[in-house]
Amino acid sequence: MCLGIPGQIVEVTDAESRLAVVNVGGVKRTVNIAFVVDEEHPASSCVGEWVLVHVGFAMSRLDEEEAARTLALLQEMGEVQAELDAMRDSA
């Protein structure tokens, strides 16, 4: 399964190529922000914005509350997966 993960844009490194550094859970990665910029939201306005990151692309903008909820759910899913793995191993 492929998931989009919320991250916060911390730096626009190349506005013309639409590249930015995004902090995803403490890990910083360069991603393409072409899908989240337009005339109303130029690349220069993206720093501080939360985005949904998938395979190197910022797919959509999120507000901070939605990003926090999504991160919490992903963490919860990881805990559930660990429990399922433990149950499977003990059978």
N, C-alpha and C. Protein backbone atom coordinates (compact mmCIF):
# COMPACT_ATOMS: atom_id res chain seq x y z
N MET A 1 0.85 -1.17 0.00
CA MET A 1 0.00 0.00 0.00
C MET A 1 0.90 1.23 0.00
N CYS A 2 0.53 2.22 -0.77
CA CYS A 2 1.27 3.47 -0.81
C CYS A 2 0.45 4.55 -0.11
N LEU A 3 1.12 5.28 0.77
CA LEU A 3 0.45 6.32 1.54
C LEU A 3 1.08 7.67 1.29
N GLY A 4 0.26 8.70 1.35
CA GLY A 4 0.77 10.06 1.39
C GLY A 4 0.98 10.42 2.85
N ILE A 5 2.09 11.10 3.13
CA ILE A 5 2.43 11.44 4.50
C ILE A 5 2.52 12.95 4.64
N PRO A 6 1.89 13.54 5.66
CA PRO A 6 1.97 14.98 5.85
C PRO A 6 3.40 15.43 6.18
N GLY A 7 3.78 16.53 5.58
CA GLY A 7 5.06 17.15 5.87
C GLY A 7 4.92 18.65 5.76
N GLN A 8 5.86 19.36 6.37
CA GLN A 8 5.82 20.82 6.35
C GLN A 8 6.97 21.35 5.49
N ILE A 9 6.63 22.24 4.58
CA ILE A 9 7.65 22.84 3.72
C ILE A 9 8.48 23.79 4.56
N VAL A 10 9.80 23.56 4.58
CA VAL A 10 10.69 24.38 5.39
C VAL A 10 11.56 25.32 4.55
N GLU A 11 11.67 25.02 3.24
CA GLU A 11 12.51 25.86 2.39
C GLU A 11 12.16 25.60 0.93
N VAL A 12 12.06 26.65 0.15
CA VAL A 12 11.94 26.51 -1.30
C VAL A 12 13.36 26.64 -1.84
N THR A 13 13.86 25.56 -2.45
CA THR A 13 15.24 25.56 -2.92
C THR A 13 15.38 26.00 -4.36
N ASP A 14 14.35 25.83 -5.17
CA ASP A 14 14.38 26.23 -6.57
C ASP A 14 12.95 26.53 -7.02
N ALA A 15 12.57 27.79 -6.94
CA ALA A 15 11.20 28.19 -7.27
C ALA A 15 10.87 27.91 -8.74
N GLU A 16 11.83 28.13 -9.62
CA GLU A 16 11.58 27.91 -11.04
C GLU A 16 11.31 26.44 -11.36
N SER A 17 12.08 25.55 -10.72
CA SER A 17 11.88 24.11 -10.93
C SER A 17 10.84 23.54 -9.97
N ARG A 18 10.35 24.39 -9.08
CA ARG A 18 9.34 24.02 -8.09
C ARG A 18 9.81 22.89 -7.17
N LEU A 19 10.96 23.12 -6.57
CA LEU A 19 11.52 22.17 -5.61
C LEU A 19 11.59 22.81 -4.24
N ALA A 20 11.27 22.02 -3.23
CA ALA A 20 11.29 22.51 -1.85
C ALA A 20 11.74 21.40 -0.92
N VAL A 21 12.23 21.80 0.24
CA VAL A 21 12.58 20.84 1.28
C VAL A 21 11.38 20.73 2.21
N VAL A 22 10.98 19.49 2.46
CA VAL A 22 9.84 19.21 3.33
C VAL A 22 10.32 18.38 4.52
N ASN A 23 9.86 18.75 5.70
CA ASN A 23 10.16 18.01 6.92
C ASN A 23 9.02 17.03 7.15
N VAL A 24 9.34 15.74 7.04
CA VAL A 24 8.35 14.68 7.26
C VAL A 24 8.81 13.88 8.47
N GLY A 25 8.19 14.15 9.60
CA GLY A 25 8.52 13.41 10.83
C GLY A 25 9.97 13.55 11.24
N GLY A 26 10.56 14.71 11.03
CA GLY A 26 11.94 14.94 11.40
C GLY A 26 12.95 14.64 10.31
N VAL A 27 12.49 14.05 9.21
CA VAL A 27 13.36 13.74 8.07
C VAL A 27 13.10 14.78 6.99
N LYS A 28 14.16 15.42 6.52
CA LYS A 28 14.01 16.45 5.49
C LYS A 28 14.33 15.86 4.12
N ARG A 29 13.41 16.09 3.18
CA ARG A 29 13.55 15.59 1.82
C ARG A 29 13.19 16.69 0.83
N THR A 30 13.86 16.65 -0.33
CA THR A 30 13.50 17.56 -1.41
C THR A 30 12.34 16.94 -2.17
N VAL A 31 11.29 17.72 -2.39
CA VAL A 31 10.13 17.24 -3.13
C VAL A 31 9.73 18.27 -4.18
N ASN A 32 8.98 17.81 -5.14
CA ASN A 32 8.44 18.67 -6.18
C ASN A 32 7.12 19.25 -5.69
N ILE A 33 6.97 20.57 -5.75
CA ILE A 33 5.76 21.22 -5.24
C ILE A 33 4.86 21.75 -6.37
N ALA A 34 5.10 21.27 -7.59
CA ALA A 34 4.34 21.77 -8.76
C ALA A 34 2.83 21.62 -8.60
N PHE A 35 2.38 20.59 -7.90
CA PHE A 35 0.94 20.37 -7.75
C PHE A 35 0.28 21.32 -6.76
N VAL A 36 1.06 22.00 -5.93
CA VAL A 36 0.47 22.87 -4.91
C VAL A 36 0.74 24.35 -5.15
N VAL A 37 1.37 24.69 -6.28
CA VAL A 37 1.61 26.10 -6.60
C VAL A 37 0.76 26.50 -7.79
N ASP A 38 0.36 27.75 -7.77
CA ASP A 38 -0.37 28.34 -8.88
C ASP A 38 -0.22 29.86 -8.76
N GLU A 39 -0.96 30.60 -9.54
CA GLU A 39 -0.85 32.06 -9.51
C GLU A 39 -1.22 32.63 -8.14
N GLU A 40 -2.20 32.03 -7.48
CA GLU A 40 -2.62 32.51 -6.16
C GLU A 40 -1.69 32.05 -5.04
N HIS A 41 -0.99 30.95 -5.25
CA HIS A 41 -0.07 30.38 -4.26
C HIS A 41 1.28 30.10 -4.93
N PRO A 42 2.09 31.14 -5.15
CA PRO A 42 3.41 30.92 -5.77
C PRO A 42 4.33 30.14 -4.84
N ALA A 43 5.38 29.60 -5.41
CA ALA A 43 6.34 28.81 -4.63
C ALA A 43 6.86 29.57 -3.42
N SER A 44 7.07 30.86 -3.59
CA SER A 44 7.62 31.67 -2.49
C SER A 44 6.69 31.73 -1.28
N SER A 45 5.41 31.42 -1.46
CA SER A 45 4.46 31.48 -0.34
C SER A 45 4.30 30.14 0.37
N CYS A 46 5.04 29.13 -0.06
CA CYS A 46 4.83 27.77 0.45
C CYS A 46 5.53 27.46 1.77
N VAL A 47 6.56 28.21 2.13
CA VAL A 47 7.29 27.90 3.36
C VAL A 47 6.33 27.97 4.54
N GLY A 48 6.33 26.91 5.35
CA GLY A 48 5.45 26.82 6.50
C GLY A 48 4.16 26.06 6.21
N GLU A 49 3.85 25.85 4.93
CA GLU A 49 2.63 25.13 4.55
C GLU A 49 2.78 23.63 4.80
N TRP A 50 1.68 22.99 5.17
CA TRP A 50 1.63 21.54 5.30
C TRP A 50 1.12 20.96 4.00
N VAL A 51 1.76 19.88 3.55
CA VAL A 51 1.39 19.23 2.29
C VAL A 51 1.36 17.72 2.50
N LEU A 52 0.64 17.05 1.64
CA LEU A 52 0.60 15.59 1.63
C LEU A 52 1.64 15.12 0.62
N VAL A 53 2.67 14.41 1.09
CA VAL A 53 3.80 14.00 0.26
C VAL A 53 3.65 12.54 -0.14
N HIS A 54 3.83 12.28 -1.45
CA HIS A 54 3.76 10.92 -1.96
C HIS A 54 4.78 10.79 -3.09
N VAL A 55 5.67 9.84 -2.99
CA VAL A 55 6.72 9.54 -3.96
C VAL A 55 7.42 10.78 -4.53
N GLY A 56 7.82 11.68 -3.63
CA GLY A 56 8.61 12.83 -4.05
C GLY A 56 7.82 14.03 -4.53
N PHE A 57 6.52 13.98 -4.40
CA PHE A 57 5.66 15.08 -4.82
C PHE A 57 4.77 15.54 -3.68
N ALA A 58 4.60 16.84 -3.56
CA ALA A 58 3.59 17.39 -2.66
C ALA A 58 2.28 17.35 -3.45
N MET A 59 1.38 16.48 -3.04
CA MET A 59 0.15 16.23 -3.81
C MET A 59 -0.95 17.25 -3.54
N SER A 60 -1.04 17.74 -2.30
CA SER A 60 -2.08 18.70 -1.96
C SER A 60 -1.69 19.42 -0.67
N ARG A 61 -2.33 20.55 -0.44
CA ARG A 61 -2.11 21.32 0.79
C ARG A 61 -3.04 20.78 1.88
N LEU A 62 -2.56 20.86 3.12
CA LEU A 62 -3.35 20.48 4.29
C LEU A 62 -3.25 21.59 5.31
N ASP A 63 -4.29 21.74 6.12
CA ASP A 63 -4.10 22.68 7.24
C ASP A 63 -3.40 21.91 8.36
N GLU A 64 -2.86 22.63 9.31
CA GLU A 64 -2.05 22.01 10.37
C GLU A 64 -2.84 20.99 11.17
N GLU A 65 -4.11 21.27 11.42
CA GLU A 65 -4.95 20.34 12.20
C GLU A 65 -5.15 19.03 11.45
N GLU A 66 -5.42 19.12 10.16
CA GLU A 66 -5.61 17.91 9.36
C GLU A 66 -4.31 17.10 9.28
N ALA A 67 -3.19 17.81 9.16
CA ALA A 67 -1.89 17.13 9.13
C ALA A 67 -1.65 16.38 10.44
N ALA A 68 -1.95 17.01 11.56
CA ALA A 68 -1.76 16.38 12.87
C ALA A 68 -2.65 15.15 13.02
N ARG A 69 -3.90 15.26 12.58
CA ARG A 69 -4.81 14.10 12.66
C ARG A 69 -4.30 12.95 11.80
N THR A 70 -3.84 13.27 10.60
CA THR A 70 -3.35 12.23 9.70
C THR A 70 -2.11 11.56 10.26
N LEU A 71 -1.18 12.36 10.80
CA LEU A 71 0.02 11.78 11.40
C LEU A 71 -0.33 10.87 12.57
N ALA A 72 -1.30 11.29 13.39
CA ALA A 72 -1.72 10.48 14.53
C ALA A 72 -2.32 9.15 14.06
N LEU A 73 -3.12 9.20 13.02
CA LEU A 73 -3.71 7.96 12.49
C LEU A 73 -2.66 7.03 11.92
N LEU A 74 -1.67 7.59 11.22
CA LEU A 74 -0.61 6.76 10.67
C LEU A 74 0.20 6.11 11.79
N GLN A 75 0.46 6.86 12.86
CA GLN A 75 1.17 6.28 14.00
C GLN A 75 0.34 5.18 14.64
N GLU A 76 -0.95 5.41 14.77
CA GLU A 76 -1.83 4.40 15.35
C GLU A 76 -1.85 3.14 14.48
N MET A 77 -1.87 3.32 13.17
CA MET A 77 -1.86 2.18 12.26
C MET A 77 -0.57 1.38 12.43
N GLY A 78 0.54 2.06 12.64
CA GLY A 78 1.81 1.38 12.87
C GLY A 78 1.77 0.55 14.12
N GLU A 79 1.15 1.07 15.16
CA GLU A 79 1.02 0.32 16.40
C GLU A 79 0.12 -0.89 16.20
N VAL A 80 -0.94 -0.72 15.45
CA VAL A 80 -1.84 -1.84 15.18
C VAL A 80 -1.10 -2.90 14.39
N GLN A 81 -0.31 -2.48 13.41
CA GLN A 81 0.43 -3.44 12.59
C GLN A 81 1.42 -4.22 13.46
N ALA A 82 2.09 -3.55 14.38
CA ALA A 82 3.03 -4.22 15.28
C ALA A 82 2.31 -5.27 16.12
N GLU A 83 1.11 -4.93 16.59
CA GLU A 83 0.34 -5.88 17.38
C GLU A 83 -0.07 -7.09 16.54
N LEU A 84 -0.48 -6.84 15.30
CA LEU A 84 -0.86 -7.95 14.41
C LEU A 84 0.35 -8.84 14.12
N ASP A 85 1.50 -8.23 13.89
CA ASP A 85 2.72 -9.01 13.65
C ASP A 85 3.06 -9.87 14.87
N ALA A 86 2.93 -9.32 16.07
CA ALA A 86 3.21 -10.05 17.30
C ALA A 86 2.26 -11.24 17.46
N MET A 87 0.99 -10.98 17.15
CA MET A 87 0.00 -12.06 17.24
C MET A 87 0.32 -13.16 16.24
N ARG A 88 0.68 -12.78 15.03
CA ARG A 88 1.00 -13.74 13.98
C ARG A 88 2.21 -14.58 14.38
N ASP A 89 3.23 -13.91 14.98
CA ASP A 89 4.46 -14.60 15.39
C ASP A 89 4.22 -15.58 16.54
N SER A 90 3.24 -15.28 17.40
CA SER A 90 2.99 -16.15 18.55
C SER A 90 2.10 -17.34 18.23
N ALA A 91 1.49 -17.35 17.06
CA ALA A 91 0.58 -18.45 16.69
C ALA A 91 1.32 -19.71 16.31
